[in-house]
Amino acid sequence: MKDKLLNRALAQIATRTFSLALDDDDLEKWMGARAQEFGLTYLLAYAEDGVIWGKFAGNRFTLAGQVFSEVAVALNKQTLDQARLFGEHAEIFLWRDDAGWHARAIVDGAGESCDYFDEANLLWGTRGNLGREQGGFTLVFEGRQDMRHAPPIVNVPYQERIKLIVRNYLAQIENETRIVNTRLIGLE
């Protein structure tokens, strides 16, 4: 159901948070298994030494750094701060704190009813004259700082910015509508 005035919709969602133990060798394997289990397509991870984009196809896990060496950042548990494995219908958010690793799953289509709205967030960088597409990723650059990353999307016009689509879930708290959860759903 869509509220045209507020551009909101109603969906059923299930949310679950859990703690987990990850060995160094298990991180990529664990992510790949969750991607298959929940039908997830993308990875966006933040590590101490950079941003890591990835994509899942079948049982294959490809990182942007495997395609473009200039954006290669290792995916390992020592430097990883947080990661989001996401797709159209679900997201796994993985983070660590002093107590260890935790994960939260949000799955649309099950659980309680919840209002939500989607918004497009512009990512920094454009293809410009230097950017290129390869292996399902697009290398983009930002200005004189020469910042670069390679989101898993292709057919991006040269001067347009890629959009990261975020779903915001709403609830009534103390007679106010508030965003109570968010998840990533895709790239445009």
N, C-alpha and C. Protein backbone atom coordinates (compact mmCIF):
# COMPACT_ATOMS: atom_id res chain seq x y z
N MET A 1 0.85 -1.16 0.00
CA MET A 1 0.00 0.00 0.00
C MET A 1 0.90 1.23 0.00
N LYS A 2 0.65 2.17 -0.88
CA LYS A 2 1.49 3.34 -1.05
C LYS A 2 0.73 4.59 -0.64
N ASP A 3 1.32 5.39 0.21
CA ASP A 3 0.76 6.67 0.61
C ASP A 3 1.37 7.72 -0.30
N LYS A 4 0.63 8.16 -1.33
CA LYS A 4 1.18 9.05 -2.34
C LYS A 4 1.62 10.38 -1.77
N LEU A 5 0.90 10.89 -0.78
CA LEU A 5 1.23 12.18 -0.22
C LEU A 5 2.59 12.16 0.47
N LEU A 6 2.89 11.10 1.21
CA LEU A 6 4.15 11.02 1.94
C LEU A 6 5.17 10.11 1.25
N ASN A 7 4.78 9.51 0.14
CA ASN A 7 5.65 8.59 -0.60
C ASN A 7 6.14 7.46 0.31
N ARG A 8 5.21 6.94 1.14
CA ARG A 8 5.52 5.84 2.04
C ARG A 8 4.81 4.59 1.57
N ALA A 9 5.29 3.47 2.03
CA ALA A 9 4.66 2.19 1.71
C ALA A 9 4.60 1.36 2.98
N LEU A 10 3.83 0.29 2.94
CA LEU A 10 3.68 -0.61 4.07
C LEU A 10 4.22 -1.98 3.67
N ALA A 11 5.04 -2.56 4.53
CA ALA A 11 5.59 -3.88 4.26
C ALA A 11 5.65 -4.66 5.56
N GLN A 12 5.78 -5.96 5.43
CA GLN A 12 6.03 -6.80 6.59
C GLN A 12 7.53 -7.04 6.65
N ILE A 13 8.12 -6.89 7.85
CA ILE A 13 9.55 -7.15 7.99
C ILE A 13 9.81 -8.02 9.21
N ALA A 14 10.86 -8.80 9.12
CA ALA A 14 11.35 -9.58 10.25
C ALA A 14 12.76 -9.11 10.55
N THR A 15 13.06 -8.84 11.81
CA THR A 15 14.38 -8.37 12.23
C THR A 15 14.91 -9.33 13.28
N ARG A 16 16.20 -9.65 13.16
CA ARG A 16 16.84 -10.54 14.13
C ARG A 16 18.27 -10.08 14.33
N THR A 17 18.70 -9.98 15.59
CA THR A 17 20.08 -9.61 15.91
C THR A 17 20.72 -10.78 16.65
N PHE A 18 21.99 -11.07 16.33
CA PHE A 18 22.66 -12.19 16.97
C PHE A 18 24.15 -11.92 17.05
N SER A 19 24.82 -12.56 18.01
CA SER A 19 26.27 -12.50 18.14
C SER A 19 26.86 -13.70 17.44
N LEU A 20 28.11 -13.58 17.00
CA LEU A 20 28.72 -14.70 16.31
C LEU A 20 30.22 -14.70 16.50
N ALA A 21 30.82 -15.84 16.33
CA ALA A 21 32.27 -15.99 16.39
C ALA A 21 32.75 -16.25 14.97
N LEU A 22 33.75 -15.47 14.55
CA LEU A 22 34.29 -15.63 13.20
C LEU A 22 35.78 -15.89 13.28
N ASP A 23 36.23 -16.94 12.61
CA ASP A 23 37.65 -17.18 12.44
C ASP A 23 38.09 -16.41 11.20
N ASP A 24 39.39 -16.16 11.09
CA ASP A 24 39.91 -15.42 9.94
C ASP A 24 39.49 -16.06 8.62
N ASP A 25 39.57 -17.37 8.54
CA ASP A 25 39.25 -18.06 7.29
C ASP A 25 37.75 -18.11 7.02
N ASP A 26 36.95 -17.85 8.04
CA ASP A 26 35.51 -18.01 7.90
C ASP A 26 34.77 -16.78 7.40
N LEU A 27 35.37 -15.59 7.44
CA LEU A 27 34.65 -14.36 7.14
C LEU A 27 34.02 -14.39 5.75
N GLU A 28 34.82 -14.61 4.73
CA GLU A 28 34.29 -14.62 3.36
C GLU A 28 33.33 -15.80 3.16
N LYS A 29 33.65 -16.92 3.75
CA LYS A 29 32.78 -18.10 3.65
C LYS A 29 31.43 -17.82 4.32
N TRP A 30 31.47 -17.20 5.51
CA TRP A 30 30.25 -16.86 6.24
C TRP A 30 29.40 -15.89 5.42
N MET A 31 30.04 -14.86 4.84
CA MET A 31 29.31 -13.89 4.02
C MET A 31 28.69 -14.54 2.80
N GLY A 32 29.43 -15.40 2.14
CA GLY A 32 28.90 -16.10 0.97
C GLY A 32 27.70 -16.97 1.31
N ALA A 33 27.77 -17.65 2.46
CA ALA A 33 26.65 -18.50 2.89
C ALA A 33 25.41 -17.66 3.19
N ARG A 34 25.59 -16.51 3.85
CA ARG A 34 24.45 -15.62 4.14
C ARG A 34 23.88 -15.04 2.86
N ALA A 35 24.74 -14.70 1.92
CA ALA A 35 24.26 -14.17 0.64
C ALA A 35 23.36 -15.18 -0.06
N GLN A 36 23.77 -16.44 -0.06
CA GLN A 36 22.94 -17.48 -0.67
C GLN A 36 21.66 -17.70 0.12
N GLU A 37 21.77 -17.75 1.44
CA GLU A 37 20.61 -18.01 2.30
C GLU A 37 19.52 -16.95 2.14
N PHE A 38 19.92 -15.67 2.04
CA PHE A 38 18.95 -14.58 2.00
C PHE A 38 18.76 -13.98 0.60
N GLY A 39 19.43 -14.52 -0.41
CA GLY A 39 19.30 -14.00 -1.77
C GLY A 39 19.88 -12.61 -1.92
N LEU A 40 21.06 -12.37 -1.32
CA LEU A 40 21.69 -11.05 -1.33
C LEU A 40 22.60 -10.91 -2.55
N THR A 41 22.75 -9.68 -3.01
CA THR A 41 23.49 -9.41 -4.24
C THR A 41 24.80 -8.67 -4.02
N TYR A 42 24.83 -7.74 -3.07
CA TYR A 42 25.95 -6.81 -2.93
C TYR A 42 26.60 -6.87 -1.56
N LEU A 43 27.84 -6.38 -1.51
CA LEU A 43 28.58 -6.18 -0.28
C LEU A 43 29.11 -4.75 -0.27
N LEU A 44 28.90 -4.05 0.83
CA LEU A 44 29.55 -2.76 1.08
C LEU A 44 30.16 -2.87 2.47
N ALA A 45 31.49 -2.82 2.53
CA ALA A 45 32.19 -2.99 3.81
C ALA A 45 33.13 -1.82 4.04
N TYR A 46 33.30 -1.49 5.31
CA TYR A 46 34.21 -0.43 5.71
C TYR A 46 35.29 -1.04 6.57
N ALA A 47 36.53 -0.87 6.12
CA ALA A 47 37.68 -1.39 6.85
C ALA A 47 38.57 -0.21 7.23
N GLU A 48 39.52 -0.45 8.11
CA GLU A 48 40.45 0.60 8.53
C GLU A 48 41.21 1.20 7.35
N ASP A 49 41.42 0.41 6.31
CA ASP A 49 42.22 0.87 5.19
C ASP A 49 41.42 1.14 3.92
N GLY A 50 40.09 1.23 4.02
CA GLY A 50 39.32 1.60 2.84
C GLY A 50 37.94 0.97 2.77
N VAL A 51 37.29 1.25 1.65
CA VAL A 51 35.95 0.75 1.36
C VAL A 51 36.08 -0.48 0.48
N ILE A 52 35.25 -1.49 0.74
CA ILE A 52 35.26 -2.72 -0.03
C ILE A 52 33.88 -2.94 -0.63
N TRP A 53 33.81 -2.95 -1.96
CA TRP A 53 32.58 -3.31 -2.67
C TRP A 53 32.71 -4.75 -3.14
N GLY A 54 31.60 -5.46 -3.16
CA GLY A 54 31.61 -6.81 -3.68
C GLY A 54 30.25 -7.16 -4.25
N LYS A 55 30.22 -8.27 -4.97
CA LYS A 55 28.94 -8.77 -5.48
C LYS A 55 28.93 -10.29 -5.43
N PHE A 56 27.73 -10.82 -5.31
CA PHE A 56 27.51 -12.26 -5.23
C PHE A 56 26.75 -12.69 -6.46
N ALA A 57 27.21 -13.74 -7.10
CA ALA A 57 26.50 -14.32 -8.24
C ALA A 57 26.61 -15.84 -8.11
N GLY A 58 25.46 -16.50 -7.97
CA GLY A 58 25.48 -17.94 -7.74
C GLY A 58 26.18 -18.22 -6.44
N ASN A 59 27.23 -19.00 -6.48
CA ASN A 59 28.01 -19.23 -5.26
C ASN A 59 29.36 -18.52 -5.33
N ARG A 60 29.47 -17.55 -6.23
CA ARG A 60 30.73 -16.83 -6.43
C ARG A 60 30.68 -15.46 -5.78
N PHE A 61 31.76 -15.10 -5.12
CA PHE A 61 31.91 -13.87 -4.38
C PHE A 61 33.04 -13.09 -5.04
N THR A 62 32.78 -11.92 -5.62
CA THR A 62 33.81 -11.13 -6.29
C THR A 62 33.93 -9.77 -5.61
N LEU A 63 35.16 -9.37 -5.28
CA LEU A 63 35.43 -8.06 -4.70
C LEU A 63 35.92 -7.11 -5.78
N ALA A 64 35.61 -5.82 -5.61
CA ALA A 64 36.04 -4.81 -6.58
C ALA A 64 37.56 -4.82 -6.75
N GLY A 65 38.29 -5.05 -5.68
CA GLY A 65 39.75 -5.07 -5.74
C GLY A 65 40.31 -6.21 -6.56
N GLN A 66 39.52 -7.26 -6.80
CA GLN A 66 39.95 -8.34 -7.67
C GLN A 66 39.85 -7.93 -9.13
N VAL A 67 39.00 -6.94 -9.41
CA VAL A 67 38.79 -6.46 -10.77
C VAL A 67 39.65 -5.23 -11.05
N PHE A 68 39.72 -4.31 -10.09
CA PHE A 68 40.51 -3.08 -10.21
C PHE A 68 41.52 -3.05 -9.07
N SER A 69 42.79 -3.30 -9.39
CA SER A 69 43.82 -3.37 -8.34
C SER A 69 43.99 -2.04 -7.60
N GLU A 70 43.66 -0.92 -8.25
CA GLU A 70 43.83 0.38 -7.60
C GLU A 70 42.86 0.63 -6.45
N VAL A 71 41.84 -0.21 -6.28
CA VAL A 71 40.92 -0.07 -5.14
C VAL A 71 40.95 -1.31 -4.25
N ALA A 72 42.00 -2.11 -4.36
CA ALA A 72 42.09 -3.36 -3.60
C ALA A 72 42.28 -3.08 -2.11
N VAL A 73 41.37 -3.58 -1.31
CA VAL A 73 41.44 -3.55 0.14
C VAL A 73 41.11 -4.97 0.61
N ALA A 74 41.96 -5.51 1.47
CA ALA A 74 41.75 -6.88 1.93
C ALA A 74 40.50 -6.98 2.81
N LEU A 75 39.77 -8.05 2.62
CA LEU A 75 38.60 -8.34 3.46
C LEU A 75 39.06 -9.31 4.54
N ASN A 76 39.42 -8.75 5.70
CA ASN A 76 39.80 -9.61 6.81
C ASN A 76 39.27 -9.06 8.12
N LYS A 77 39.13 -9.92 9.06
CA LYS A 77 38.46 -9.58 10.30
C LYS A 77 39.27 -8.62 11.16
N GLN A 78 40.58 -8.55 10.99
CA GLN A 78 41.40 -7.64 11.80
C GLN A 78 41.14 -6.17 11.46
N THR A 79 40.88 -5.86 10.20
CA THR A 79 40.71 -4.45 9.80
C THR A 79 39.27 -4.08 9.50
N LEU A 80 38.38 -5.05 9.42
CA LEU A 80 36.98 -4.78 9.10
C LEU A 80 36.27 -4.14 10.29
N ASP A 81 35.55 -3.04 10.04
CA ASP A 81 34.74 -2.39 11.08
C ASP A 81 33.29 -2.82 10.97
N GLN A 82 32.76 -2.79 9.74
CA GLN A 82 31.37 -3.17 9.52
C GLN A 82 31.17 -3.55 8.07
N ALA A 83 30.12 -4.31 7.82
CA ALA A 83 29.80 -4.73 6.46
C ALA A 83 28.30 -4.88 6.31
N ARG A 84 27.82 -4.58 5.12
CA ARG A 84 26.41 -4.77 4.79
C ARG A 84 26.34 -5.65 3.55
N LEU A 85 25.70 -6.79 3.70
CA LEU A 85 25.40 -7.67 2.58
C LEU A 85 23.94 -7.41 2.28
N PHE A 86 23.62 -7.00 1.06
CA PHE A 86 22.25 -6.55 0.83
C PHE A 86 21.74 -6.91 -0.55
N GLY A 87 20.43 -6.86 -0.65
CA GLY A 87 19.73 -7.10 -1.90
C GLY A 87 18.35 -6.47 -1.81
N GLU A 88 17.54 -6.74 -2.79
CA GLU A 88 16.22 -6.11 -2.88
C GLU A 88 15.32 -6.44 -1.69
N HIS A 89 15.43 -7.66 -1.13
CA HIS A 89 14.48 -8.09 -0.11
C HIS A 89 15.07 -8.29 1.28
N ALA A 90 16.39 -8.15 1.45
CA ALA A 90 16.98 -8.41 2.76
C ALA A 90 18.35 -7.76 2.89
N GLU A 91 18.81 -7.66 4.14
CA GLU A 91 20.15 -7.17 4.43
C GLU A 91 20.67 -7.87 5.68
N ILE A 92 21.97 -8.18 5.67
CA ILE A 92 22.68 -8.60 6.87
C ILE A 92 23.69 -7.49 7.16
N PHE A 93 23.59 -6.93 8.35
CA PHE A 93 24.52 -5.89 8.80
C PHE A 93 25.44 -6.53 9.83
N LEU A 94 26.73 -6.49 9.58
CA LEU A 94 27.74 -7.12 10.42
C LEU A 94 28.61 -6.03 11.02
N TRP A 95 28.82 -6.05 12.34
CA TRP A 95 29.68 -5.06 12.97
C TRP A 95 30.37 -5.68 14.18
N ARG A 96 31.39 -4.98 14.64
CA ARG A 96 32.08 -5.46 15.84
C ARG A 96 32.16 -4.35 16.87
N ASP A 97 32.21 -4.77 18.12
CA ASP A 97 32.44 -3.85 19.23
C ASP A 97 33.36 -4.56 20.22
N ASP A 98 33.51 -4.02 21.41
CA ASP A 98 34.41 -4.62 22.39
C ASP A 98 34.01 -6.04 22.77
N ALA A 99 32.73 -6.37 22.62
CA ALA A 99 32.25 -7.71 22.98
C ALA A 99 32.42 -8.73 21.86
N GLY A 100 32.77 -8.29 20.66
CA GLY A 100 32.96 -9.21 19.54
C GLY A 100 32.13 -8.83 18.33
N TRP A 101 31.86 -9.83 17.49
CA TRP A 101 31.11 -9.62 16.25
C TRP A 101 29.62 -9.83 16.48
N HIS A 102 28.82 -9.01 15.80
CA HIS A 102 27.37 -9.10 15.87
C HIS A 102 26.81 -8.97 14.46
N ALA A 103 25.60 -9.44 14.28
CA ALA A 103 24.93 -9.30 12.98
C ALA A 103 23.46 -9.03 13.21
N ARG A 104 22.88 -8.30 12.26
CA ARG A 104 21.44 -8.03 12.29
C ARG A 104 20.90 -8.36 10.91
N ALA A 105 19.83 -9.10 10.87
CA ALA A 105 19.17 -9.42 9.61
C ALA A 105 17.84 -8.69 9.56
N ILE A 106 17.55 -8.06 8.42
CA ILE A 106 16.23 -7.50 8.15
C ILE A 106 15.75 -8.15 6.86
N VAL A 107 14.56 -8.75 6.92
CA VAL A 107 13.99 -9.44 5.77
C VAL A 107 12.60 -8.90 5.50
N ASP A 108 12.37 -8.38 4.31
CA ASP A 108 11.04 -7.91 3.93
C ASP A 108 10.15 -9.11 3.59
N GLY A 109 8.85 -8.95 3.84
CA GLY A 109 7.89 -9.97 3.45
C GLY A 109 7.52 -10.95 4.54
N ALA A 110 8.06 -10.77 5.74
CA ALA A 110 7.73 -11.65 6.87
C ALA A 110 7.71 -10.80 8.13
N GLY A 111 7.00 -11.25 9.14
CA GLY A 111 7.02 -10.54 10.42
C GLY A 111 5.98 -9.45 10.53
N GLU A 112 6.30 -8.42 11.30
CA GLU A 112 5.38 -7.33 11.60
C GLU A 112 5.25 -6.35 10.45
N SER A 113 4.09 -5.70 10.37
CA SER A 113 3.89 -4.64 9.38
C SER A 113 4.61 -3.39 9.82
N CYS A 114 5.17 -2.67 8.85
CA CYS A 114 5.97 -1.50 9.15
C CYS A 114 5.91 -0.53 7.97
N ASP A 115 5.69 0.75 8.25
CA ASP A 115 5.80 1.76 7.20
C ASP A 115 7.27 1.94 6.83
N TYR A 116 7.53 2.30 5.59
CA TYR A 116 8.90 2.59 5.18
C TYR A 116 8.89 3.57 4.02
N PHE A 117 10.05 4.16 3.76
CA PHE A 117 10.24 4.92 2.54
C PHE A 117 11.67 4.69 2.07
N ASP A 118 11.84 4.74 0.76
CA ASP A 118 13.15 4.55 0.15
C ASP A 118 13.72 5.91 -0.24
N GLU A 119 15.04 6.05 -0.14
CA GLU A 119 15.69 7.28 -0.57
C GLU A 119 16.97 6.93 -1.31
N ALA A 120 17.34 7.79 -2.24
CA ALA A 120 18.56 7.60 -3.02
C ALA A 120 19.64 8.51 -2.45
N ASN A 121 20.78 7.93 -2.09
CA ASN A 121 21.93 8.69 -1.61
C ASN A 121 22.99 8.67 -2.69
N LEU A 122 23.49 9.84 -3.07
CA LEU A 122 24.50 9.94 -4.11
C LEU A 122 25.86 9.52 -3.55
N LEU A 123 26.54 8.64 -4.27
CA LEU A 123 27.90 8.25 -3.90
C LEU A 123 28.87 9.24 -4.53
N TRP A 124 30.01 9.44 -3.90
CA TRP A 124 30.99 10.34 -4.49
C TRP A 124 31.64 9.65 -5.68
N GLY A 125 32.05 10.48 -6.63
CA GLY A 125 32.75 10.00 -7.81
C GLY A 125 31.89 9.84 -9.04
N THR A 126 32.50 10.11 -10.19
CA THR A 126 31.88 9.86 -11.49
C THR A 126 32.89 9.14 -12.36
N ARG A 127 32.42 8.58 -13.46
CA ARG A 127 33.34 7.90 -14.38
C ARG A 127 34.27 8.89 -15.04
N GLY A 128 33.73 10.07 -15.39
CA GLY A 128 34.56 11.06 -16.08
C GLY A 128 35.27 10.45 -17.26
N ASN A 129 36.44 10.93 -17.58
CA ASN A 129 37.23 10.39 -18.69
C ASN A 129 38.11 9.23 -18.26
N LEU A 130 38.34 9.09 -16.95
CA LEU A 130 39.26 8.07 -16.46
C LEU A 130 38.58 6.78 -16.02
N GLY A 131 37.31 6.87 -15.63
CA GLY A 131 36.61 5.70 -15.12
C GLY A 131 36.36 4.67 -16.21
N ARG A 132 36.17 3.45 -15.76
CA ARG A 132 35.89 2.38 -16.73
C ARG A 132 35.08 1.28 -16.05
N GLU A 133 34.47 0.45 -16.88
CA GLU A 133 33.69 -0.68 -16.40
C GLU A 133 34.42 -1.97 -16.71
N GLN A 134 34.34 -2.90 -15.77
CA GLN A 134 34.98 -4.19 -15.99
C GLN A 134 34.42 -5.19 -14.98
N GLY A 135 34.12 -6.37 -15.42
CA GLY A 135 33.71 -7.44 -14.52
C GLY A 135 32.50 -7.14 -13.66
N GLY A 136 31.60 -6.27 -14.14
CA GLY A 136 30.41 -5.93 -13.37
C GLY A 136 30.59 -4.79 -12.38
N PHE A 137 31.74 -4.14 -12.39
CA PHE A 137 32.03 -3.01 -11.51
C PHE A 137 32.35 -1.78 -12.35
N THR A 138 32.12 -0.59 -11.78
CA THR A 138 32.47 0.67 -12.45
C THR A 138 33.42 1.44 -11.54
N LEU A 139 34.61 1.74 -12.06
CA LEU A 139 35.60 2.52 -11.33
C LEU A 139 35.24 3.99 -11.46
N VAL A 140 35.06 4.68 -10.32
CA VAL A 140 34.72 6.10 -10.34
C VAL A 140 35.75 6.89 -9.54
N PHE A 141 35.90 8.18 -9.91
CA PHE A 141 36.88 9.07 -9.30
C PHE A 141 36.20 10.31 -8.77
N GLU A 142 36.81 10.93 -7.77
CA GLU A 142 36.30 12.18 -7.23
C GLU A 142 37.40 13.23 -7.23
N GLY A 143 37.26 14.22 -8.10
CA GLY A 143 38.06 15.44 -8.11
C GLY A 143 39.55 15.29 -7.95
N ARG A 144 40.11 16.39 -7.48
CA ARG A 144 41.57 16.47 -7.33
C ARG A 144 42.10 15.56 -6.23
N GLN A 145 41.24 15.17 -5.31
CA GLN A 145 41.68 14.28 -4.24
C GLN A 145 42.04 12.90 -4.78
N ASP A 146 41.60 12.60 -5.98
CA ASP A 146 41.84 11.30 -6.62
C ASP A 146 41.28 10.14 -5.79
N MET A 147 40.18 10.42 -5.07
CA MET A 147 39.52 9.33 -4.34
C MET A 147 38.82 8.45 -5.37
N ARG A 148 38.88 7.15 -5.15
CA ARG A 148 38.27 6.22 -6.10
C ARG A 148 37.69 5.01 -5.38
N HIS A 149 36.66 4.47 -5.98
CA HIS A 149 36.07 3.22 -5.54
C HIS A 149 35.36 2.61 -6.74
N ALA A 150 34.92 1.36 -6.60
CA ALA A 150 34.33 0.65 -7.73
C ALA A 150 33.08 -0.10 -7.29
N PRO A 151 31.93 0.58 -7.28
CA PRO A 151 30.68 -0.10 -6.94
C PRO A 151 30.30 -1.15 -7.99
N PRO A 152 29.57 -2.19 -7.58
CA PRO A 152 29.17 -3.25 -8.50
C PRO A 152 27.94 -2.87 -9.32
N ILE A 153 28.15 -2.01 -10.29
CA ILE A 153 27.09 -1.56 -11.19
C ILE A 153 27.75 -1.18 -12.51
N VAL A 154 27.04 -1.35 -13.62
CA VAL A 154 27.57 -0.99 -14.94
C VAL A 154 26.57 -0.10 -15.67
N ASN A 155 26.98 0.37 -16.83
CA ASN A 155 26.17 1.26 -17.67
C ASN A 155 25.86 2.58 -16.97
N VAL A 156 26.85 3.11 -16.29
CA VAL A 156 26.72 4.39 -15.59
C VAL A 156 27.14 5.50 -16.55
N PRO A 157 26.27 6.49 -16.82
CA PRO A 157 26.67 7.61 -17.68
C PRO A 157 27.91 8.32 -17.11
N TYR A 158 28.72 8.88 -17.99
CA TYR A 158 30.02 9.44 -17.61
C TYR A 158 29.98 10.45 -16.48
N GLN A 159 29.08 11.39 -16.49
CA GLN A 159 29.10 12.45 -15.47
C GLN A 159 28.04 12.27 -14.39
N GLU A 160 27.35 11.16 -14.37
CA GLU A 160 26.33 10.94 -13.34
C GLU A 160 26.91 10.20 -12.14
N ARG A 161 26.35 10.49 -10.99
CA ARG A 161 26.76 9.81 -9.77
C ARG A 161 25.89 8.57 -9.55
N ILE A 162 26.50 7.56 -9.01
CA ILE A 162 25.78 6.33 -8.67
C ILE A 162 24.96 6.59 -7.41
N LYS A 163 23.79 6.00 -7.37
CA LYS A 163 22.90 6.16 -6.21
C LYS A 163 22.85 4.86 -5.41
N LEU A 164 23.01 5.00 -4.10
CA LEU A 164 22.84 3.90 -3.17
C LEU A 164 21.44 4.04 -2.59
N ILE A 165 20.59 3.03 -2.79
CA ILE A 165 19.20 3.11 -2.36
C ILE A 165 19.08 2.55 -0.94
N VAL A 166 18.51 3.38 -0.05
CA VAL A 166 18.37 3.05 1.37
C VAL A 166 16.88 2.98 1.71
N ARG A 167 16.48 1.93 2.40
CA ARG A 167 15.11 1.80 2.89
C ARG A 167 15.09 2.18 4.37
N ASN A 168 14.21 3.11 4.72
CA ASN A 168 14.05 3.58 6.10
C ASN A 168 12.73 3.05 6.65
N TYR A 169 12.77 2.33 7.76
CA TYR A 169 11.59 1.77 8.40
C TYR A 169 11.12 2.71 9.51
N LEU A 170 9.81 2.92 9.59
CA LEU A 170 9.23 3.92 10.49
C LEU A 170 8.40 3.27 11.59
N ALA A 171 8.31 3.97 12.72
CA ALA A 171 7.44 3.55 13.82
C ALA A 171 6.99 4.79 14.58
N GLN A 172 5.87 4.65 15.26
CA GLN A 172 5.37 5.72 16.13
C GLN A 172 6.00 5.56 17.51
N ILE A 173 6.72 6.58 17.95
CA ILE A 173 7.34 6.58 19.27
C ILE A 173 7.00 7.91 19.92
N GLU A 174 6.33 7.85 21.05
CA GLU A 174 5.93 9.06 21.78
C GLU A 174 5.22 10.05 20.87
N ASN A 175 4.25 9.54 20.13
CA ASN A 175 3.41 10.35 19.23
C ASN A 175 4.18 11.02 18.09
N GLU A 176 5.35 10.50 17.76
CA GLU A 176 6.11 11.00 16.62
C GLU A 176 6.48 9.82 15.72
N THR A 177 6.50 10.07 14.42
CA THR A 177 6.98 9.06 13.49
C THR A 177 8.49 9.19 13.40
N ARG A 178 9.18 8.08 13.65
CA ARG A 178 10.65 8.09 13.64
C ARG A 178 11.18 6.94 12.80
N ILE A 179 12.37 7.15 12.26
CA ILE A 179 13.08 6.07 11.58
C ILE A 179 13.66 5.17 12.67
N VAL A 180 13.29 3.89 12.63
CA VAL A 180 13.74 2.95 13.65
C VAL A 180 14.75 1.93 13.13
N ASN A 181 14.85 1.81 11.82
CA ASN A 181 15.82 0.91 11.21
C ASN A 181 16.05 1.34 9.77
N THR A 182 17.20 1.01 9.26
CA THR A 182 17.49 1.28 7.85
C THR A 182 18.23 0.08 7.28
N ARG A 183 18.13 -0.07 5.98
CA ARG A 183 18.93 -1.09 5.30
C ARG A 183 19.16 -0.65 3.87
N LEU A 184 20.21 -1.19 3.27
CA LEU A 184 20.51 -0.92 1.87
C LEU A 184 19.73 -1.90 1.01
N ILE A 185 19.24 -1.42 -0.16
CA ILE A 185 18.48 -2.32 -1.02
C ILE A 185 19.03 -2.43 -2.44
N GLY A 186 19.87 -1.49 -2.87
CA GLY A 186 20.39 -1.61 -4.22
C GLY A 186 21.18 -0.39 -4.68
N LEU A 187 21.59 -0.45 -5.93
CA LEU A 187 22.35 0.63 -6.58
C LEU A 187 21.65 1.01 -7.87
N GLU A 188 21.70 2.28 -8.21
CA GLU A 188 21.15 2.77 -9.49
C GLU A 188 22.16 3.70 -10.13
